[in-house]
Amino acid sequence: MIITVTNQKGGVGKTTLACHLAWRAAEDGTVLAIDLDTQANLTQTLLGRTVGIEGQAAGVFGDKPLETLSLSSRLALLPGGMELKEIDEGVELLSAIDKKNKIESLANVIVIDTPPAIGVRQVAPYFWSDILVLVLTPDVFSLKGMADVRNTLDRVRTRNPGLLLRVVVNRHHPDVSREREIIDLIAREFGDDLVRPILAESRSISGAVSERVSAWDYAYKSPVRAKAMRDLCETILKIV
């Protein structure tokens, strides 16, 4: 199963969710996390550093065999890095779409973190994936992008008709009425594709990520926030 976590803007908690999906999936089987962002935030969280390693995720788009970096007996990583910048500039999308066969047999679950910008590194994984996870925050910018998401999905499904969309709303402030209204609009637009629970803004979750552990393994966790994150990850992972 290949899961791609995406959004066309940063700051929505995309990498935080990708890490938690990888951590939860690794409790049950083998997982490969692929960091396709030049900022390498997924790499920093899972590995603890980005200095002194090569951006091996760029190899997904090449012809040489891949060498993954083992983080545990069940979790491996293809790190991100500045080398990835050349992919958007030098690789054709049609060529990149055909690279699914390089990764699909490397683990039971593959979690891909994409850059927050349209390009080959963001769009090609849509064609490889079983599940596309769109992470939104409850603000007007998310509302403006919903039509673009539908248009993109329509194009991708001409080649990948089985692609499932799952929408996650993150960083919600429950006491803000305007956010609740926006979540209602998102729910009407995406229907059953909206995954619940809605994830509230949480210092507990951000603290866990800074310590490079899951929200449910964090020493100072909020039990409510940790359970919400775990339940959401399990819902996504059980779809296929």
Protein backbone atom coordinates (compact mmCIF):
# COMPACT_ATOMS: atom_id res chain seq x y z
CA MET A 1 0.00 0.00 0.00
CA ILE A 2 1.34 3.42 -0.98
CA ILE A 3 0.10 6.50 0.88
CA THR A 4 0.99 10.02 -0.23
CA VAL A 5 0.50 12.95 2.13
CA THR A 6 0.10 16.26 0.36
CA ASN A 7 -0.92 19.90 0.29
CA GLN A 8 0.00 22.79 -1.98
CA LYS A 9 1.02 25.02 0.90
CA GLY A 10 3.21 24.53 3.94
CA GLY A 11 2.40 24.89 7.59
CA VAL A 12 -0.57 22.53 7.71
CA GLY A 13 1.07 19.66 9.60
CA LYS A 14 1.60 17.44 6.57
CA THR A 15 4.94 16.05 7.74
CA THR A 16 3.64 15.51 11.27
CA LEU A 17 0.88 13.30 9.89
CA ALA A 18 3.26 11.46 7.55
CA CYS A 19 5.54 10.61 10.49
CA HIS A 20 2.64 9.34 12.58
CA LEU A 21 1.33 7.21 9.73
CA ALA A 22 4.79 5.66 9.37
CA TRP A 23 5.16 5.09 13.11
CA ARG A 24 1.73 3.49 13.42
CA ALA A 25 2.14 1.30 10.35
CA ALA A 26 5.54 0.10 11.64
CA GLU A 27 3.81 -1.36 14.68
CA ASP A 28 2.18 -3.93 12.41
CA GLY A 29 4.58 -4.43 9.48
CA THR A 30 7.39 -3.04 7.40
CA VAL A 31 7.29 0.61 6.36
CA LEU A 32 9.29 2.76 3.97
CA ALA A 33 9.09 6.52 4.46
CA ILE A 34 10.06 8.60 1.42
CA ASP A 35 10.93 12.26 1.88
CA LEU A 36 10.51 14.13 -1.40
CA ASP A 37 10.93 17.61 0.12
CA THR A 38 14.16 19.57 -0.20
CA GLN A 39 13.58 20.90 3.33
CA ALA A 40 13.78 17.28 4.55
CA ASN A 41 11.54 17.76 7.58
CA LEU A 42 10.44 14.13 7.49
CA THR A 43 14.08 13.08 7.45
CA GLN A 44 14.90 15.38 10.36
CA THR A 45 12.04 13.97 12.43
CA LEU A 46 12.62 10.29 11.73
CA LEU A 47 16.43 10.32 11.59
CA GLY A 48 17.30 13.28 13.80
CA ARG A 49 19.57 14.97 11.28
CA THR A 50 19.84 16.01 7.66
CA VAL A 51 23.56 16.85 7.60
CA GLY A 52 25.98 14.24 6.34
CA ILE A 53 23.49 12.14 4.42
CA GLU A 54 22.66 12.16 0.76
CA GLY A 55 19.18 12.87 -0.56
CA GLN A 56 18.63 9.28 -1.57
CA ALA A 57 14.96 9.85 -2.32
CA ALA A 58 16.09 11.43 -5.57
CA GLY A 59 17.08 7.92 -6.62
CA VAL A 60 13.42 6.99 -6.98
CA PHE A 61 13.39 8.94 -10.23
CA GLY A 62 16.62 7.44 -11.58
CA ASP A 63 17.65 4.09 -13.01
CA LYS A 64 19.98 2.79 -10.27
CA PRO A 65 18.78 0.40 -7.54
CA LEU A 66 17.61 2.10 -4.36
CA GLU A 67 19.45 1.82 -1.05
CA THR A 68 17.19 2.60 1.88
CA LEU A 69 18.38 3.75 5.29
CA SER A 70 17.25 1.42 8.07
CA LEU A 71 15.87 3.19 11.15
CA SER A 72 14.60 0.06 12.91
CA SER A 73 13.76 -3.53 12.09
CA ARG A 74 10.49 -2.37 10.51
CA LEU A 75 11.03 1.24 9.46
CA ALA A 76 13.29 2.44 6.64
CA LEU A 77 13.81 5.85 5.07
CA LEU A 78 14.71 7.38 1.74
CA PRO A 79 15.97 10.77 2.96
CA GLY A 80 15.18 14.09 1.38
CA GLY A 81 17.60 16.90 0.61
CA MET A 82 18.58 19.64 -1.79
CA GLU A 83 19.45 17.09 -4.47
CA LEU A 84 15.73 16.71 -5.05
CA LYS A 85 15.48 20.18 -6.54
CA GLU A 86 16.92 18.83 -9.78
CA ILE A 87 14.02 16.40 -10.16
CA ASP A 88 11.40 19.06 -10.88
CA GLU A 89 13.75 20.71 -13.35
CA GLY A 90 15.08 17.65 -15.13
CA VAL A 91 12.54 14.80 -15.01
CA GLU A 92 9.45 14.58 -17.19
CA LEU A 93 6.21 13.71 -15.41
CA LEU A 94 5.40 10.81 -17.74
CA SER A 95 8.80 9.28 -17.00
CA ALA A 96 8.32 9.78 -13.25
CA ILE A 97 4.89 8.13 -13.29
CA ASP A 98 6.53 4.89 -14.43
CA LYS A 99 8.77 4.71 -11.32
CA LYS A 100 6.14 3.10 -9.11
CA ASN A 101 7.67 -0.31 -9.75
CA LYS A 102 10.92 0.81 -8.08
CA ILE A 103 9.29 1.22 -4.68
CA GLU A 104 6.07 -0.78 -4.46
CA SER A 105 7.72 -4.02 -3.26
CA LEU A 106 10.09 -2.46 -0.72
CA ALA A 107 7.71 -2.54 2.28
CA ASN A 108 4.18 -3.45 3.31
CA VAL A 109 3.34 0.25 3.61
CA ILE A 110 5.05 3.16 1.88
CA VAL A 111 4.43 6.69 3.18
CA ILE A 112 5.47 9.57 0.93
CA ASP A 113 5.84 13.15 2.14
CA THR A 114 5.61 15.58 -0.77
CA PRO A 115 6.81 19.18 -1.12
CA PRO A 116 4.24 21.99 -0.74
CA ALA A 117 4.51 23.08 -4.36
CA ILE A 118 3.24 21.76 -7.69
CA GLY A 119 5.89 19.84 -9.58
CA VAL A 120 7.01 16.34 -10.50
CA ARG A 121 7.89 15.47 -6.89
CA GLN A 122 4.41 16.34 -5.71
CA VAL A 123 2.31 15.06 -8.61
CA ALA A 124 4.06 11.83 -9.67
CA PRO A 125 3.35 10.10 -6.32
CA TYR A 126 -0.37 10.68 -6.87
CA PHE A 127 -0.13 8.24 -9.77
CA TRP A 128 1.73 5.67 -7.65
CA SER A 129 -0.58 5.77 -4.66
CA ASP A 130 -3.46 3.77 -3.30
CA ILE A 131 -4.41 6.62 -0.95
CA LEU A 132 -3.89 10.35 -1.30
CA VAL A 133 -4.13 12.12 2.05
CA LEU A 134 -4.87 15.81 1.72
CA VAL A 135 -4.10 17.76 4.90
CA LEU A 136 -6.06 20.97 5.38
CA THR A 137 -6.31 23.60 8.08
CA PRO A 138 -9.74 25.17 8.71
CA ASP A 139 -9.13 28.50 6.99
CA VAL A 140 -10.17 30.33 3.84
CA PHE A 141 -7.03 29.24 1.99
CA SER A 142 -8.17 25.63 2.21
CA LEU A 143 -11.57 26.56 0.82
CA LYS A 144 -9.99 28.27 -2.16
CA GLY A 145 -7.98 25.17 -3.04
CA MET A 146 -10.76 22.59 -2.91
CA ALA A 147 -11.75 22.96 -6.57
CA ASP A 148 -8.11 22.56 -7.59
CA VAL A 149 -7.94 19.30 -5.64
CA ARG A 150 -10.96 17.91 -7.46
CA ASN A 151 -9.54 18.91 -10.86
CA THR A 152 -6.20 17.30 -10.06
CA LEU A 153 -7.87 14.10 -8.88
CA ASP A 154 -9.92 13.88 -12.06
CA ARG A 155 -6.75 14.03 -14.16
CA VAL A 156 -4.83 11.56 -12.02
CA ARG A 157 -7.67 9.04 -11.98
CA THR A 158 -7.56 8.74 -15.75
CA ARG A 159 -4.35 6.72 -15.19
CA ASN A 160 -4.86 5.65 -11.56
CA PRO A 161 -8.61 5.02 -11.30
CA GLY A 162 -8.36 3.26 -7.94
CA LEU A 163 -6.86 6.25 -6.14
CA LEU A 164 -8.71 7.03 -2.91
CA LEU A 165 -8.83 10.52 -1.44
CA ARG A 166 -8.84 11.03 2.29
CA VAL A 167 -9.03 14.54 3.74
CA VAL A 168 -7.62 15.38 7.17
CA VAL A 169 -8.43 18.63 8.95
CA ASN A 170 -5.59 19.60 11.27
CA ARG A 171 -4.75 22.37 13.74
CA HIS A 172 -8.35 23.15 14.57
CA HIS A 173 -9.14 25.57 17.41
CA PRO A 174 -12.47 24.22 18.71
CA ASP A 175 -13.41 27.51 20.37
CA VAL A 176 -13.24 29.45 17.07
CA SER A 177 -16.69 29.46 15.50
CA ARG A 178 -15.43 30.48 12.05
CA GLU A 179 -13.26 27.36 11.94
CA ARG A 180 -16.26 25.19 12.75
CA GLU A 181 -18.13 26.77 9.85
CA ILE A 182 -15.22 26.06 7.49
CA ILE A 183 -15.06 22.44 8.65
CA ASP A 184 -18.76 22.11 7.82
CA LEU A 185 -18.05 23.42 4.32
CA ILE A 186 -15.15 20.97 3.91
CA ALA A 187 -17.41 18.14 5.08
CA ARG A 188 -20.06 19.07 2.54
CA GLU A 189 -17.49 19.21 -0.25
CA PHE A 190 -15.69 15.96 0.52
CA GLY A 191 -18.38 13.91 2.26
CA ASP A 192 -17.15 10.48 3.33
CA ASP A 193 -13.63 11.34 2.14
CA LEU A 194 -13.24 13.52 5.24
CA VAL A 195 -11.54 11.44 7.92
CA ARG A 196 -12.46 11.94 11.54
CA PRO A 197 -11.58 12.84 14.22
CA ILE A 198 -10.69 16.42 13.39
CA LEU A 199 -7.23 17.11 14.82
CA ALA A 200 -7.08 20.05 17.21
CA GLU A 201 -4.07 22.32 17.58
CA SER A 202 -1.86 20.57 20.12
CA ARG A 203 1.37 21.44 21.87
CA SER A 204 1.47 17.81 22.93
CA ILE A 205 1.73 16.62 19.33
CA SER A 206 4.28 19.25 18.32
CA GLY A 207 6.29 18.35 21.43
CA ALA A 208 6.23 14.69 20.49
CA VAL A 209 7.50 15.42 16.99
CA SER A 210 10.32 17.56 18.37
CA GLU A 211 11.32 14.57 20.51
CA ARG A 212 11.03 12.29 17.45
CA VAL A 213 8.38 10.03 18.98
CA SER A 214 4.70 9.47 18.26
CA ALA A 215 2.04 11.40 20.12
CA TRP A 216 0.97 8.22 21.91
CA ASP A 217 4.56 7.44 23.04
CA TYR A 218 5.35 10.98 24.19
CA ALA A 219 6.15 11.28 27.90
CA TYR A 220 4.09 14.46 28.24
CA LYS A 221 1.25 13.48 25.97
CA SER A 222 -2.31 14.68 26.15
CA PRO A 223 -4.26 11.40 26.22
CA VAL A 224 -7.11 12.96 24.24
CA ARG A 225 -4.87 14.42 21.52
CA ALA A 226 -2.74 11.26 21.32
CA LYS A 227 -5.81 9.05 20.93
CA ALA A 228 -7.21 11.31 18.22
CA MET A 229 -3.98 11.08 16.21
CA ARG A 230 -3.73 7.33 16.63
CA ASP A 231 -7.40 6.77 15.74
CA LEU A 232 -7.05 8.90 12.63
CA CYS A 233 -3.92 7.05 11.48
CA GLU A 234 -5.60 3.70 12.02
CA THR A 235 -8.63 4.80 10.02
CA ILE A 236 -6.44 5.74 7.07
CA LEU A 237 -4.29 2.61 7.27
CA LYS A 238 -7.32 0.31 7.35
CA ILE A 239 -8.88 1.74 4.20
CA VAL A 240 -7.18 -0.67 1.84
